[in-house]
Amino acid sequence: MTTTFQCTRCGECCRIPGQIHLTETDIARMAAFLKLTEQDFIQRHTDLARDRRDLVIKGDPASPCQFLRGNDCVIYPVRPEQCAAYPAKWNNPGWENICKRDVGGG
């Protein structure tokens, strides 16, 4: 039996404490979507990661993502790779209790 994930866009994954790491591609796509230059996007919306190796979305790691409005991600079409990969490529303990799943045979 295989399990497939069905995102309901509830926004709960956007409330998980931690940092959202950005790739160069993420920054380019998000800046264009927000009609900002990449430099303006970096200045307004990013911080240096705790490990000082890359950029992360600005904000308190214990608070919801700054791009979450209610339960909606305002940048959903260009959300960071880290967000798009949740929960298939990475997840946190108990994610099954946060996210709805469709279970299919196969």
C-alpha atoms as a PDB file:
ATOM      1  CA  MET A   1       0.000   0.000   0.000  1.00  0.00           C
ATOM      2  CA  THR A   2       1.313   3.459  -0.839  1.00  0.00           C
ATOM      3  CA  THR A   3       0.486   6.668   0.901  1.00  0.00           C
ATOM      4  CA  THR A   4       0.055   9.826  -1.093  1.00  0.00           C
ATOM      5  CA  PHE A   5      -0.038  13.233   0.452  1.00  0.00           C
ATOM      6  CA  GLN A   6      -2.868  15.654  -0.300  1.00  0.00           C
ATOM      7  CA  CYS A   7      -2.146  19.238   0.779  1.00  0.00           C
ATOM      8  CA  THR A   8      -5.271  20.944   2.107  1.00  0.00           C
ATOM      9  CA  ARG A   9      -3.504  24.327   2.411  1.00  0.00           C
ATOM     10  CA  CYS A  10      -4.423  24.527   6.089  1.00  0.00           C
ATOM     11  CA  GLY A  11      -1.251  26.500   6.877  1.00  0.00           C
ATOM     12  CA  GLU A  12      -0.241  24.323   9.822  1.00  0.00           C
ATOM     13  CA  CYS A  13       3.176  23.522   8.314  1.00  0.00           C
ATOM     14  CA  CYS A  14       3.790  27.294   8.135  1.00  0.00           C
ATOM     15  CA  ARG A  15       3.421  27.464  11.909  1.00  0.00           C
ATOM     16  CA  ILE A  16       6.058  24.819  12.721  1.00  0.00           C
ATOM     17  CA  PRO A  17       8.956  26.469  14.601  1.00  0.00           C
ATOM     18  CA  GLY A  18      12.175  26.734  12.607  1.00  0.00           C
ATOM     19  CA  GLN A  19      13.847  28.550   9.757  1.00  0.00           C
ATOM     20  CA  ILE A  20      12.903  28.427   6.081  1.00  0.00           C
ATOM     21  CA  HIS A  21      16.144  28.233   4.105  1.00  0.00           C
ATOM     22  CA  LEU A  22      16.183  29.828   0.669  1.00  0.00           C
ATOM     23  CA  THR A  23      17.991  28.826  -2.492  1.00  0.00           C
ATOM     24  CA  GLU A  24      19.110  31.310  -5.128  1.00  0.00           C
ATOM     25  CA  THR A  25      16.245  30.046  -7.291  1.00  0.00           C
ATOM     26  CA  ASP A  26      13.759  30.634  -4.449  1.00  0.00           C
ATOM     27  CA  ILE A  27      14.967  34.209  -4.061  1.00  0.00           C
ATOM     28  CA  ALA A  28      14.723  34.935  -7.794  1.00  0.00           C
ATOM     29  CA  ARG A  29      11.214  33.462  -8.102  1.00  0.00           C
ATOM     30  CA  MET A  30       9.872  35.096  -4.951  1.00  0.00           C
ATOM     31  CA  ALA A  31      11.344  38.497  -5.821  1.00  0.00           C
ATOM     32  CA  ALA A  32       9.819  38.406  -9.306  1.00  0.00           C
ATOM     33  CA  PHE A  33       6.440  37.320  -7.896  1.00  0.00           C
ATOM     34  CA  LEU A  34       6.489  40.216  -5.417  1.00  0.00           C
ATOM     35  CA  LYS A  35       7.709  42.622  -8.136  1.00  0.00           C
ATOM     36  CA  LEU A  36      10.933  43.368  -6.263  1.00  0.00           C
ATOM     37  CA  THR A  37      14.546  43.254  -7.309  1.00  0.00           C
ATOM     38  CA  GLU A  38      16.413  40.353  -5.774  1.00  0.00           C
ATOM     39  CA  GLN A  39      18.423  42.796  -3.665  1.00  0.00           C
ATOM     40  CA  ASP A  40      15.247  44.493  -2.375  1.00  0.00           C
ATOM     41  CA  PHE A  41      13.723  41.106  -1.594  1.00  0.00           C
ATOM     42  CA  ILE A  42      16.844  40.068   0.330  1.00  0.00           C
ATOM     43  CA  GLN A  43      16.878  43.325   2.315  1.00  0.00           C
ATOM     44  CA  ARG A  44      13.154  43.231   3.175  1.00  0.00           C
ATOM     45  CA  HIS A  45      12.435  39.549   3.621  1.00  0.00           C
ATOM     46  CA  THR A  46      15.563  37.622   4.636  1.00  0.00           C
ATOM     47  CA  ASP A  47      17.940  37.115   7.527  1.00  0.00           C
ATOM     48  CA  LEU A  48      21.194  35.217   7.760  1.00  0.00           C
ATOM     49  CA  ALA A  49      20.570  31.639   8.927  1.00  0.00           C
ATOM     50  CA  ARG A  50      21.630  30.651  12.432  1.00  0.00           C
ATOM     51  CA  ASP A  51      24.420  28.547  10.906  1.00  0.00           C
ATOM     52  CA  ARG A  52      25.451  31.590   8.810  1.00  0.00           C
ATOM     53  CA  ARG A  53      25.547  29.461   5.655  1.00  0.00           C
ATOM     54  CA  ASP A  54      22.570  30.832   3.763  1.00  0.00           C
ATOM     55  CA  LEU A  55      19.562  33.108   3.869  1.00  0.00           C
ATOM     56  CA  VAL A  56      16.257  32.347   5.550  1.00  0.00           C
ATOM     57  CA  ILE A  57      12.865  34.011   5.554  1.00  0.00           C
ATOM     58  CA  LYS A  58      12.994  36.854   8.079  1.00  0.00           C
ATOM     59  CA  GLY A  59      11.194  36.466  11.347  1.00  0.00           C
ATOM     60  CA  ASP A  60      11.151  34.795  14.712  1.00  0.00           C
ATOM     61  CA  PRO A  61      11.700  31.043  14.144  1.00  0.00           C
ATOM     62  CA  ALA A  62       9.049  30.346  16.802  1.00  0.00           C
ATOM     63  CA  SER A  63       6.409  32.393  14.936  1.00  0.00           C
ATOM     64  CA  PRO A  64       4.441  31.580  11.790  1.00  0.00           C
ATOM     65  CA  CYS A  65       5.995  32.429   8.429  1.00  0.00           C
ATOM     66  CA  GLN A  66       5.694  36.093   7.486  1.00  0.00           C
ATOM     67  CA  PHE A  67       4.019  35.079   4.219  1.00  0.00           C
ATOM     68  CA  LEU A  68       1.130  33.310   5.978  1.00  0.00           C
ATOM     69  CA  ARG A  69      -2.149  35.269   6.033  1.00  0.00           C
ATOM     70  CA  GLY A  70      -4.801  33.384   7.969  1.00  0.00           C
ATOM     71  CA  ASN A  71      -4.302  29.913   6.519  1.00  0.00           C
ATOM     72  CA  ASP A  72      -3.108  31.111   3.111  1.00  0.00           C
ATOM     73  CA  CYS A  73       0.437  31.374   1.817  1.00  0.00           C
ATOM     74  CA  VAL A  74       0.515  34.613  -0.166  1.00  0.00           C
ATOM     75  CA  ILE A  75       3.462  33.316  -2.221  1.00  0.00           C
ATOM     76  CA  TYR A  76       2.138  29.751  -2.665  1.00  0.00           C
ATOM     77  CA  PRO A  77       2.837  29.527  -6.432  1.00  0.00           C
ATOM     78  CA  VAL A  78       6.515  30.381  -5.788  1.00  0.00           C
ATOM     79  CA  ARG A  79       6.930  29.077  -2.239  1.00  0.00           C
ATOM     80  CA  PRO A  80      10.455  28.010  -1.288  1.00  0.00           C
ATOM     81  CA  GLU A  81      11.699  24.552  -2.227  1.00  0.00           C
ATOM     82  CA  GLN A  82      11.811  23.674   1.477  1.00  0.00           C
ATOM     83  CA  CYS A  83       8.077  24.374   1.752  1.00  0.00           C
ATOM     84  CA  ALA A  84       7.163  22.598  -1.472  1.00  0.00           C
ATOM     85  CA  ALA A  85       9.066  19.483  -0.321  1.00  0.00           C
ATOM     86  CA  TYR A  86       7.102  19.145   2.939  1.00  0.00           C
ATOM     87  CA  PRO A  87       6.366  16.412   4.055  1.00  0.00           C
ATOM     88  CA  ALA A  88       7.737  14.188   1.245  1.00  0.00           C
ATOM     89  CA  LYS A  89      11.434  15.147   1.489  1.00  0.00           C
ATOM     90  CA  TRP A  90      11.503  16.407   5.066  1.00  0.00           C
ATOM     91  CA  ASN A  91       9.078  16.522   7.967  1.00  0.00           C
ATOM     92  CA  ASN A  92       8.940  16.806  11.703  1.00  0.00           C
ATOM     93  CA  PRO A  93       7.815  14.341  14.373  1.00  0.00           C
ATOM     94  CA  GLY A  94       4.028  14.189  14.447  1.00  0.00           C
ATOM     95  CA  TRP A  95       3.530  15.643  10.963  1.00  0.00           C
ATOM     96  CA  GLU A  96       0.899  12.971  10.317  1.00  0.00           C
ATOM     97  CA  ASN A  97      -1.254  14.627  12.984  1.00  0.00           C
ATOM     98  CA  ILE A  98      -0.867  18.016  11.291  1.00  0.00           C
ATOM     99  CA  CYS A  99      -1.378  17.069   7.650  1.00  0.00           C
ATOM    100  CA  LYS A 100      -4.272  15.276   6.020  1.00  0.00           C
ATOM    101  CA  ARG A 101      -3.260  12.287   3.902  1.00  0.00           C
ATOM    102  CA  ASP A 102      -5.026  10.309   1.212  1.00  0.00           C
ATOM    103  CA  VAL A 103      -4.233   6.632   1.410  1.00  0.00           C
ATOM    104  CA  GLY A 104      -4.409   4.717  -1.821  1.00  0.00           C
ATOM    105  CA  GLY A 105      -3.549   1.204  -2.863  1.00  0.00           C
ATOM    106  CA  GLY A 106      -0.561   0.386  -4.988  1.00  0.00           C
END
